[in-house]
């Protein structure tokens, strides 16, 4: 994986435009000059040869990453029990509006997050770092978390005990939480949990990890309410699950993200 400080959208834009400019200059100027000296069998300069090979590939990747789908690797256990470290998820870029790469300027509105969506977003203040959490509060919502229960706009969110959960770093109980008729699992590990009360501002969203007691999310000041402009897209499916030095987890591939 690339280091967090690498701005991948900028890298792809620069590489695509750089190779495209080389290809264009060769087509409209250098090729005629080269063939007038050496004939049609003139050898291509290495830069031109490499640019012609990579430009179409880079262009396709740039379009797909910017406007269709983007891969994202789960780096932590904050979304247990639903997402594991090493899961690679598909992020739908067009779910929350199409944006230009690098500038993130909205050019076409296609939809907005719904409560319960699993969304990828750029960390406020550090846009090169992506987080993945569940959308809990929509603009204008009043969110209360007390005694491990969510209350949104005065209505207690349904919660049903499921089964115990244990791995090397986590031990707790899995519960089924319901938003608008859609169920998803959450993991509770402490008896009380971190309580809060929050009113969501305009054009921003309140995010929480499914591993409620071990998630750095909107409850913490360095993240807070996530601006709409920081949204990357909605996580839809797991396309690969593989942790370094282990075998791929074949049973997880293709699973829909609830």
C-alpha atoms as a PDB file:
ATOM      1  CA  UNK A   1       0.000   0.000   0.000  1.00  0.00           C
ATOM      2  CA  UNK A   2       1.019   3.597  -0.574  1.00  0.00           C
ATOM      3  CA  UNK A   3       2.095   5.788   2.372  1.00  0.00           C
ATOM      4  CA  UNK A   4      -0.652   8.049   3.761  1.00  0.00           C
ATOM      5  CA  UNK A   5       1.157  11.196   2.603  1.00  0.00           C
ATOM      6  CA  UNK A   6       0.937  10.153  -1.069  1.00  0.00           C
ATOM      7  CA  UNK A   7      -1.873  12.001  -2.862  1.00  0.00           C
ATOM      8  CA  UNK A   8      -2.919   9.259  -5.295  1.00  0.00           C
ATOM      9  CA  UNK A   9      -5.482  11.317  -7.250  1.00  0.00           C
ATOM     10  CA  UNK A  10      -2.824  13.957  -7.907  1.00  0.00           C
ATOM     11  CA  UNK A  11      -0.286  11.274  -8.902  1.00  0.00           C
ATOM     12  CA  UNK A  12      -2.703   9.729 -11.431  1.00  0.00           C
ATOM     13  CA  UNK A  13      -3.669  13.133 -12.858  1.00  0.00           C
ATOM     14  CA  UNK A  14      -0.025  14.172 -13.318  1.00  0.00           C
ATOM     15  CA  UNK A  15       0.989  10.844 -14.855  1.00  0.00           C
ATOM     16  CA  UNK A  16      -2.017  10.773 -17.186  1.00  0.00           C
ATOM     17  CA  UNK A  17      -1.579  14.337 -18.403  1.00  0.00           C
ATOM     18  CA  UNK A  18       2.207  13.961 -18.625  1.00  0.00           C
ATOM     19  CA  UNK A  19       2.090  10.855 -20.802  1.00  0.00           C
ATOM     20  CA  UNK A  20      -0.804  12.321 -22.802  1.00  0.00           C
ATOM     21  CA  UNK A  21       1.191  15.475 -23.598  1.00  0.00           C
ATOM     22  CA  UNK A  22       4.180  13.398 -24.739  1.00  0.00           C
ATOM     23  CA  UNK A  23       1.922  11.299 -27.005  1.00  0.00           C
ATOM     24  CA  UNK A  24       0.263  14.430 -28.446  1.00  0.00           C
ATOM     25  CA  UNK A  25       3.561  16.217 -29.133  1.00  0.00           C
ATOM     26  CA  UNK A  26       4.933  13.118 -30.849  1.00  0.00           C
ATOM     27  CA  UNK A  27       1.800  12.671 -32.976  1.00  0.00           C
ATOM     28  CA  UNK A  28       1.534  16.274 -34.158  1.00  0.00           C
ATOM     29  CA  UNK A  29       5.181  17.310 -34.358  1.00  0.00           C
ATOM     30  CA  UNK A  30       7.976  14.857 -33.584  1.00  0.00           C
ATOM     31  CA  UNK A  31       6.736  11.892 -35.659  1.00  0.00           C
ATOM     32  CA  UNK A  32       6.705  13.822 -38.945  1.00  0.00           C
ATOM     33  CA  UNK A  33      10.150  15.248 -38.246  1.00  0.00           C
ATOM     34  CA  UNK A  34      11.532  11.841 -37.242  1.00  0.00           C
ATOM     35  CA  UNK A  35      10.096  10.019 -40.273  1.00  0.00           C
ATOM     36  CA  UNK A  36      11.356  12.687 -42.672  1.00  0.00           C
ATOM     37  CA  UNK A  37      14.891  11.835 -41.532  1.00  0.00           C
ATOM     38  CA  UNK A  38      14.771   8.089 -40.837  1.00  0.00           C
ATOM     39  CA  UNK A  39      11.676   6.952 -42.731  1.00  0.00           C
ATOM     40  CA  UNK A  40       8.583   5.156 -41.434  1.00  0.00           C
ATOM     41  CA  UNK A  41      10.698   2.562 -39.618  1.00  0.00           C
ATOM     42  CA  UNK A  42      12.318   5.198 -37.416  1.00  0.00           C
ATOM     43  CA  UNK A  43      12.829   3.965 -33.859  1.00  0.00           C
ATOM     44  CA  UNK A  44      10.635   5.569 -31.217  1.00  0.00           C
ATOM     45  CA  UNK A  45      12.416   7.454 -28.413  1.00  0.00           C
ATOM     46  CA  UNK A  46      12.062   5.599 -25.104  1.00  0.00           C
ATOM     47  CA  UNK A  47       9.965   8.359 -23.492  1.00  0.00           C
ATOM     48  CA  UNK A  48       7.506   8.313 -26.386  1.00  0.00           C
ATOM     49  CA  UNK A  49       7.357   4.509 -26.433  1.00  0.00           C
ATOM     50  CA  UNK A  50       6.663   4.321 -22.671  1.00  0.00           C
ATOM     51  CA  UNK A  51       4.106   7.135 -22.829  1.00  0.00           C
ATOM     52  CA  UNK A  52       2.198   5.490 -25.700  1.00  0.00           C
ATOM     53  CA  UNK A  53       2.046   2.239 -23.728  1.00  0.00           C
ATOM     54  CA  UNK A  54       0.939   3.731 -20.423  1.00  0.00           C
ATOM     55  CA  UNK A  55      -1.286   6.676 -21.403  1.00  0.00           C
ATOM     56  CA  UNK A  56      -4.459   4.693 -22.258  1.00  0.00           C
ATOM     57  CA  UNK A  57      -4.070   2.513 -19.161  1.00  0.00           C
ATOM     58  CA  UNK A  58      -3.585   5.531 -16.895  1.00  0.00           C
ATOM     59  CA  UNK A  59      -6.516   7.343 -18.515  1.00  0.00           C
ATOM     60  CA  UNK A  60      -8.870   4.417 -17.879  1.00  0.00           C
ATOM     61  CA  UNK A  61      -7.682   4.056 -14.268  1.00  0.00           C
ATOM     62  CA  UNK A  62      -8.103   7.800 -13.670  1.00  0.00           C
ATOM     63  CA  UNK A  63     -11.679   7.791 -14.988  1.00  0.00           C
ATOM     64  CA  UNK A  64     -12.657   4.663 -13.042  1.00  0.00           C
ATOM     65  CA  UNK A  65     -11.059   5.851  -9.763  1.00  0.00           C
ATOM     66  CA  UNK A  66     -12.508   9.345 -10.081  1.00  0.00           C
ATOM     67  CA  UNK A  67     -16.055   8.650 -11.196  1.00  0.00           C
ATOM     68  CA  UNK A  68     -16.976   4.965 -10.861  1.00  0.00           C
ATOM     69  CA  UNK A  69     -15.243   2.773  -8.255  1.00  0.00           C
ATOM     70  CA  UNK A  70     -12.234   3.066  -5.984  1.00  0.00           C
ATOM     71  CA  UNK A  71     -10.622   0.253  -3.956  1.00  0.00           C
ATOM     72  CA  UNK A  72     -10.039   0.702  -0.245  1.00  0.00           C
ATOM     73  CA  UNK A  73      -8.213  -1.580   2.180  1.00  0.00           C
ATOM     74  CA  UNK A  74      -9.487  -1.935   5.748  1.00  0.00           C
ATOM     75  CA  UNK A  75      -6.541  -0.927   7.998  1.00  0.00           C
ATOM     76  CA  UNK A  76      -8.036  -1.375  11.488  1.00  0.00           C
ATOM     77  CA  UNK A  77     -10.625  -3.246  13.546  1.00  0.00           C
ATOM     78  CA  UNK A  78     -12.922  -0.245  14.022  1.00  0.00           C
ATOM     79  CA  UNK A  79     -15.618  -1.811  11.798  1.00  0.00           C
ATOM     80  CA  UNK A  80     -15.749  -5.214  13.504  1.00  0.00           C
ATOM     81  CA  UNK A  81     -17.609  -7.508  13.300  1.00  0.00           C
ATOM     82  CA  UNK A  82     -18.480  -6.600   9.709  1.00  0.00           C
ATOM     83  CA  UNK A  83     -15.105  -5.669   8.205  1.00  0.00           C
ATOM     84  CA  UNK A  84     -11.745  -7.246   9.026  1.00  0.00           C
ATOM     85  CA  UNK A  85      -8.200  -5.964   8.654  1.00  0.00           C
ATOM     86  CA  UNK A  86      -7.137  -6.960   5.152  1.00  0.00           C
ATOM     87  CA  UNK A  87     -10.582  -6.720   3.564  1.00  0.00           C
ATOM     88  CA  UNK A  88     -10.459  -4.834   0.269  1.00  0.00           C
ATOM     89  CA  UNK A  89     -13.745  -3.092  -0.415  1.00  0.00           C
ATOM     90  CA  UNK A  90     -15.280  -1.506  -3.494  1.00  0.00           C
ATOM     91  CA  UNK A  91     -16.247   2.127  -2.948  1.00  0.00           C
ATOM     92  CA  UNK A  92     -18.970   3.496  -5.226  1.00  0.00           C
ATOM     93  CA  UNK A  93     -17.781   6.977  -6.216  1.00  0.00           C
ATOM     94  CA  UNK A  94     -21.063   7.972  -7.853  1.00  0.00           C
ATOM     95  CA  UNK A  95     -23.280   7.266  -4.827  1.00  0.00           C
ATOM     96  CA  UNK A  96     -22.774  10.711  -3.292  1.00  0.00           C
ATOM     97  CA  UNK A  97     -22.139  12.829  -6.385  1.00  0.00           C
ATOM     98  CA  UNK A  98     -19.403  12.974  -9.017  1.00  0.00           C
ATOM     99  CA  UNK A  99     -16.379  15.093  -8.150  1.00  0.00           C
ATOM    100  CA  UNK A 100     -13.319  16.212 -10.045  1.00  0.00           C
ATOM    101  CA  UNK A 101     -10.098  14.501  -8.921  1.00  0.00           C
ATOM    102  CA  UNK A 102      -7.693  16.497  -6.717  1.00  0.00           C
ATOM    103  CA  UNK A 103      -9.975  19.557  -6.305  1.00  0.00           C
ATOM    104  CA  UNK A 104     -13.001  17.404  -5.246  1.00  0.00           C
ATOM    105  CA  UNK A 105     -15.329  19.934  -6.881  1.00  0.00           C
ATOM    106  CA  UNK A 106     -18.872  18.555  -7.159  1.00  0.00           C
ATOM    107  CA  UNK A 107     -19.914  18.460 -10.832  1.00  0.00           C
ATOM    108  CA  UNK A 108     -23.018  16.268 -10.696  1.00  0.00           C
ATOM    109  CA  UNK A 109     -25.323  15.432  -7.802  1.00  0.00           C
ATOM    110  CA  UNK A 110     -26.276  11.759  -7.840  1.00  0.00           C
ATOM    111  CA  UNK A 111     -27.429  11.130  -4.277  1.00  0.00           C
ATOM    112  CA  UNK A 112     -26.723  11.675  -0.598  1.00  0.00           C
ATOM    113  CA  UNK A 113     -25.740   9.398   2.300  1.00  0.00           C
ATOM    114  CA  UNK A 114     -28.490   7.565   4.131  1.00  0.00           C
ATOM    115  CA  UNK A 115     -28.425   6.647   7.785  1.00  0.00           C
ATOM    116  CA  UNK A 116     -26.776   3.239   8.071  1.00  0.00           C
ATOM    117  CA  UNK A 117     -24.551   3.552   4.980  1.00  0.00           C
ATOM    118  CA  UNK A 118     -20.939   2.428   5.331  1.00  0.00           C
ATOM    119  CA  UNK A 119     -19.000   5.344   3.861  1.00  0.00           C
ATOM    120  CA  UNK A 120     -15.387   6.197   3.098  1.00  0.00           C
ATOM    121  CA  UNK A 121     -14.367   9.795   3.763  1.00  0.00           C
ATOM    122  CA  UNK A 122     -11.257  11.944   3.913  1.00  0.00           C
ATOM    123  CA  UNK A 123     -10.228  12.782   7.465  1.00  0.00           C
ATOM    124  CA  UNK A 124     -10.988  16.454   8.233  1.00  0.00           C
ATOM    125  CA  UNK A 125      -7.724  18.394   8.337  1.00  0.00           C
ATOM    126  CA  UNK A 126      -5.755  15.510   6.782  1.00  0.00           C
ATOM    127  CA  UNK A 127      -7.340  14.877   3.353  1.00  0.00           C
ATOM    128  CA  UNK A 128      -4.727  12.303   2.315  1.00  0.00           C
ATOM    129  CA  UNK A 129      -6.000   9.919   5.030  1.00  0.00           C
ATOM    130  CA  UNK A 130      -9.200   7.972   4.333  1.00  0.00           C
ATOM    131  CA  UNK A 131     -11.466   6.547   7.045  1.00  0.00           C
ATOM    132  CA  UNK A 132     -14.369   4.121   6.779  1.00  0.00           C
ATOM    133  CA  UNK A 133     -17.288   4.355   9.227  1.00  0.00           C
ATOM    134  CA  UNK A 134     -21.060   4.044   9.361  1.00  0.00           C
ATOM    135  CA  UNK A 135     -23.309   7.064   8.784  1.00  0.00           C
ATOM    136  CA  UNK A 136     -25.214   7.617  12.036  1.00  0.00           C
ATOM    137  CA  UNK A 137     -26.379  11.230  11.933  1.00  0.00           C
ATOM    138  CA  UNK A 138     -27.645  13.204   8.932  1.00  0.00           C
ATOM    139  CA  UNK A 139     -27.635  17.014   8.709  1.00  0.00           C
ATOM    140  CA  UNK A 140     -29.902  18.436  11.416  1.00  0.00           C
ATOM    141  CA  UNK A 141     -30.145  15.197  13.437  1.00  0.00           C
ATOM    142  CA  UNK A 142     -29.902  15.215  17.219  1.00  0.00           C
ATOM    143  CA  UNK A 143     -27.856  12.165  18.252  1.00  0.00           C
ATOM    144  CA  UNK A 144     -27.557  10.810  21.793  1.00  0.00           C
ATOM    145  CA  UNK A 145     -25.463   7.782  22.814  1.00  0.00           C
ATOM    146  CA  UNK A 146     -26.097   6.643  26.361  1.00  0.00           C
ATOM    147  CA  UNK A 147     -25.715   3.236  28.025  1.00  0.00           C
ATOM    148  CA  UNK A 148     -24.607   1.799  24.662  1.00  0.00           C
ATOM    149  CA  UNK A 149     -27.892   2.818  22.977  1.00  0.00           C
ATOM    150  CA  UNK A 150     -28.393   5.342  20.205  1.00  0.00           C
ATOM    151  CA  UNK A 151     -31.263   7.792  20.249  1.00  0.00           C
ATOM    152  CA  UNK A 152     -31.782   9.825  17.076  1.00  0.00           C
ATOM    153  CA  UNK A 153     -34.223  12.751  17.045  1.00  0.00           C
ATOM    154  CA  UNK A 154     -35.829  11.396  20.214  1.00  0.00           C
ATOM    155  CA  UNK A 155     -36.343   7.837  18.910  1.00  0.00           C
ATOM    156  CA  UNK A 156     -34.442   4.939  20.459  1.00  0.00           C
ATOM    157  CA  UNK A 157     -32.700   2.828  17.796  1.00  0.00           C
ATOM    158  CA  UNK A 158     -33.661  -0.861  17.884  1.00  0.00           C
ATOM    159  CA  UNK A 159     -30.946  -3.102  19.319  1.00  0.00           C
ATOM    160  CA  UNK A 160     -31.078  -6.887  19.728  1.00  0.00           C
ATOM    161  CA  UNK A 161     -28.459  -9.092  21.389  1.00  0.00           C
ATOM    162  CA  UNK A 162     -26.933 -11.661  19.070  1.00  0.00           C
ATOM    163  CA  UNK A 163     -23.827 -13.659  20.084  1.00  0.00           C
ATOM    164  CA  UNK A 164     -20.436 -13.390  21.838  1.00  0.00           C
ATOM    165  CA  UNK A 165     -17.415 -12.276  19.808  1.00  0.00           C
ATOM    166  CA  UNK A 166     -13.761 -12.988  20.530  1.00  0.00           C
ATOM    167  CA  UNK A 167     -10.509 -12.543  18.601  1.00  0.00           C
ATOM    168  CA  UNK A 168      -6.902 -11.741  19.534  1.00  0.00           C
ATOM    169  CA  UNK A 169      -7.652  -8.088  20.389  1.00  0.00           C
ATOM    170  CA  UNK A 170     -11.385  -7.873  21.003  1.00  0.00           C
ATOM    171  CA  UNK A 171     -13.890  -9.527  23.312  1.00  0.00           C
ATOM    172  CA  UNK A 172     -17.524  -8.516  23.492  1.00  0.00           C
ATOM    173  CA  UNK A 173     -21.089  -9.117  22.358  1.00  0.00           C
ATOM    174  CA  UNK A 174     -22.460  -8.714  18.831  1.00  0.00           C
ATOM    175  CA  UNK A 175     -25.780  -6.882  18.590  1.00  0.00           C
ATOM    176  CA  UNK A 176     -28.097  -6.274  15.645  1.00  0.00           C
ATOM    177  CA  UNK A 177     -28.910  -2.586  15.142  1.00  0.00           C
ATOM    178  CA  UNK A 178     -31.724  -1.429  12.857  1.00  0.00           C
ATOM    179  CA  UNK A 179     -31.955   1.813  10.865  1.00  0.00           C
ATOM    180  CA  UNK A 180     -35.033   2.341   8.701  1.00  0.00           C
ATOM    181  CA  UNK A 181     -35.756  -1.370   8.414  1.00  0.00           C
ATOM    182  CA  UNK A 182     -32.152  -2.266   7.485  1.00  0.00           C
ATOM    183  CA  UNK A 183     -30.142  -4.401   9.915  1.00  0.00           C
ATOM    184  CA  UNK A 184     -26.414  -4.388  10.602  1.00  0.00           C
ATOM    185  CA  UNK A 185     -24.172  -5.819  13.303  1.00  0.00           C
ATOM    186  CA  UNK A 186     -22.253  -3.849  15.913  1.00  0.00           C
ATOM    187  CA  UNK A 187     -19.773  -4.952  18.580  1.00  0.00           C
ATOM    188  CA  UNK A 188     -20.025  -3.750  22.198  1.00  0.00           C
ATOM    189  CA  UNK A 189     -17.126  -4.485  24.528  1.00  0.00           C
ATOM    190  CA  UNK A 190     -17.602  -2.375  27.643  1.00  0.00           C
ATOM    191  CA  UNK A 191     -20.408  -2.171  30.153  1.00  0.00           C
ATOM    192  CA  UNK A 192     -20.997   1.568  29.721  1.00  0.00           C
ATOM    193  CA  UNK A 193     -19.305   2.913  26.585  1.00  0.00           C
ATOM    194  CA  UNK A 194     -18.388   6.473  25.656  1.00  0.00           C
ATOM    195  CA  UNK A 195     -21.523   8.602  25.910  1.00  0.00           C
ATOM    196  CA  UNK A 196     -22.241  11.834  24.038  1.00  0.00           C
ATOM    197  CA  UNK A 197     -24.912  14.189  22.765  1.00  0.00           C
ATOM    198  CA  UNK A 198     -24.516  15.934  19.418  1.00  0.00           C
ATOM    199  CA  UNK A 199     -26.525  18.011  16.957  1.00  0.00           C
ATOM    200  CA  UNK A 200     -25.335  17.476  13.389  1.00  0.00           C
ATOM    201  CA  UNK A 201     -24.658  20.686  11.459  1.00  0.00           C
ATOM    202  CA  UNK A 202     -25.575  21.530   7.890  1.00  0.00           C
ATOM    203  CA  UNK A 203     -23.761  19.726   5.058  1.00  0.00           C
ATOM    204  CA  UNK A 204     -21.989  17.288   7.379  1.00  0.00           C
ATOM    205  CA  UNK A 205     -22.465  13.787   8.772  1.00  0.00           C
ATOM    206  CA  UNK A 206     -21.916  12.047  12.097  1.00  0.00           C
ATOM    207  CA  UNK A 207     -19.904   8.812  11.670  1.00  0.00           C
ATOM    208  CA  UNK A 208     -19.299   5.907  14.039  1.00  0.00           C
ATOM    209  CA  UNK A 209     -17.429   2.623  13.769  1.00  0.00           C
ATOM    210  CA  UNK A 210     -19.340  -0.628  14.280  1.00  0.00           C
ATOM    211  CA  UNK A 211     -16.777  -1.607  16.927  1.00  0.00           C
ATOM    212  CA  UNK A 212     -18.370   1.017  19.123  1.00  0.00           C
ATOM    213  CA  UNK A 213     -15.890   0.955  21.997  1.00  0.00           C
ATOM    214  CA  UNK A 214     -12.749   0.897  19.815  1.00  0.00           C
ATOM    215  CA  UNK A 215     -13.303   3.336  16.991  1.00  0.00           C
ATOM    216  CA  UNK A 216     -11.807   6.753  16.300  1.00  0.00           C
ATOM    217  CA  UNK A 217     -14.778   8.529  14.774  1.00  0.00           C
ATOM    218  CA  UNK A 218     -17.010  11.614  15.012  1.00  0.00           C
ATOM    219  CA  UNK A 219     -17.061  11.326  18.803  1.00  0.00           C
ATOM    220  CA  UNK A 220     -13.475  12.608  18.816  1.00  0.00           C
ATOM    221  CA  UNK A 221     -12.507  16.235  18.261  1.00  0.00           C
ATOM    222  CA  UNK A 222      -9.913  15.539  15.536  1.00  0.00           C
ATOM    223  CA  UNK A 223     -12.641  14.062  13.324  1.00  0.00           C
ATOM    224  CA  UNK A 224     -15.931  15.525  14.462  1.00  0.00           C
ATOM    225  CA  UNK A 225     -18.765  16.097  12.038  1.00  0.00           C
ATOM    226  CA  UNK A 226     -17.578  15.054   8.560  1.00  0.00           C
ATOM    227  CA  UNK A 227     -18.235  17.723   5.875  1.00  0.00           C
ATOM    228  CA  UNK A 228     -20.153  16.617   2.800  1.00  0.00           C
ATOM    229  CA  UNK A 229     -17.189  17.667   0.648  1.00  0.00           C
ATOM    230  CA  UNK A 230     -14.999  15.054   2.408  1.00  0.00           C
ATOM    231  CA  UNK A 231     -17.134  12.097   1.362  1.00  0.00           C
ATOM    232  CA  UNK A 232     -15.424   9.672  -1.020  1.00  0.00           C
ATOM    233  CA  UNK A 233     -18.215   7.167  -1.591  1.00  0.00           C
ATOM    234  CA  UNK A 234     -20.288   4.285  -0.261  1.00  0.00           C
ATOM    235  CA  UNK A 235     -18.622   0.942   0.457  1.00  0.00           C
ATOM    236  CA  UNK A 236     -20.601  -1.746  -1.366  1.00  0.00           C
ATOM    237  CA  UNK A 237     -18.801  -5.120  -1.491  1.00  0.00           C
ATOM    238  CA  UNK A 238     -15.663  -6.966  -0.450  1.00  0.00           C
ATOM    239  CA  UNK A 239     -13.674  -7.818  -3.585  1.00  0.00           C
ATOM    240  CA  UNK A 240     -10.691  -9.394  -1.813  1.00  0.00           C
ATOM    241  CA  UNK A 241      -9.803 -10.379   1.745  1.00  0.00           C
ATOM    242  CA  UNK A 242      -6.171 -11.051   2.411  1.00  0.00           C
ATOM    243  CA  UNK A 243      -3.911 -10.274   5.341  1.00  0.00           C
ATOM    244  CA  UNK A 244      -0.139 -10.277   4.776  1.00  0.00           C
ATOM    245  CA  UNK A 245       1.474 -13.672   5.403  1.00  0.00           C
ATOM    246  CA  UNK A 246      -1.944 -15.397   5.507  1.00  0.00           C
ATOM    247  CA  UNK A 247      -4.033 -17.164   2.893  1.00  0.00           C
ATOM    248  CA  UNK A 248      -6.860 -15.223   1.216  1.00  0.00           C
ATOM    249  CA  UNK A 249     -10.172 -15.483   3.059  1.00  0.00           C
ATOM    250  CA  UNK A 250     -12.109 -16.856   0.091  1.00  0.00           C
ATOM    251  CA  UNK A 251     -15.470 -16.996   1.894  1.00  0.00           C
ATOM    252  CA  UNK A 252     -15.499 -13.201   2.279  1.00  0.00           C
ATOM    253  CA  UNK A 253     -14.907 -12.359  -1.389  1.00  0.00           C
ATOM    254  CA  UNK A 254     -18.003 -10.881  -3.019  1.00  0.00           C
ATOM    255  CA  UNK A 255     -19.844 -10.344   0.273  1.00  0.00           C
ATOM    256  CA  UNK A 256     -22.208  -7.375   0.317  1.00  0.00           C
ATOM    257  CA  UNK A 257     -21.460  -4.792   2.994  1.00  0.00           C
ATOM    258  CA  UNK A 258     -24.468  -4.435   5.274  1.00  0.00           C
END
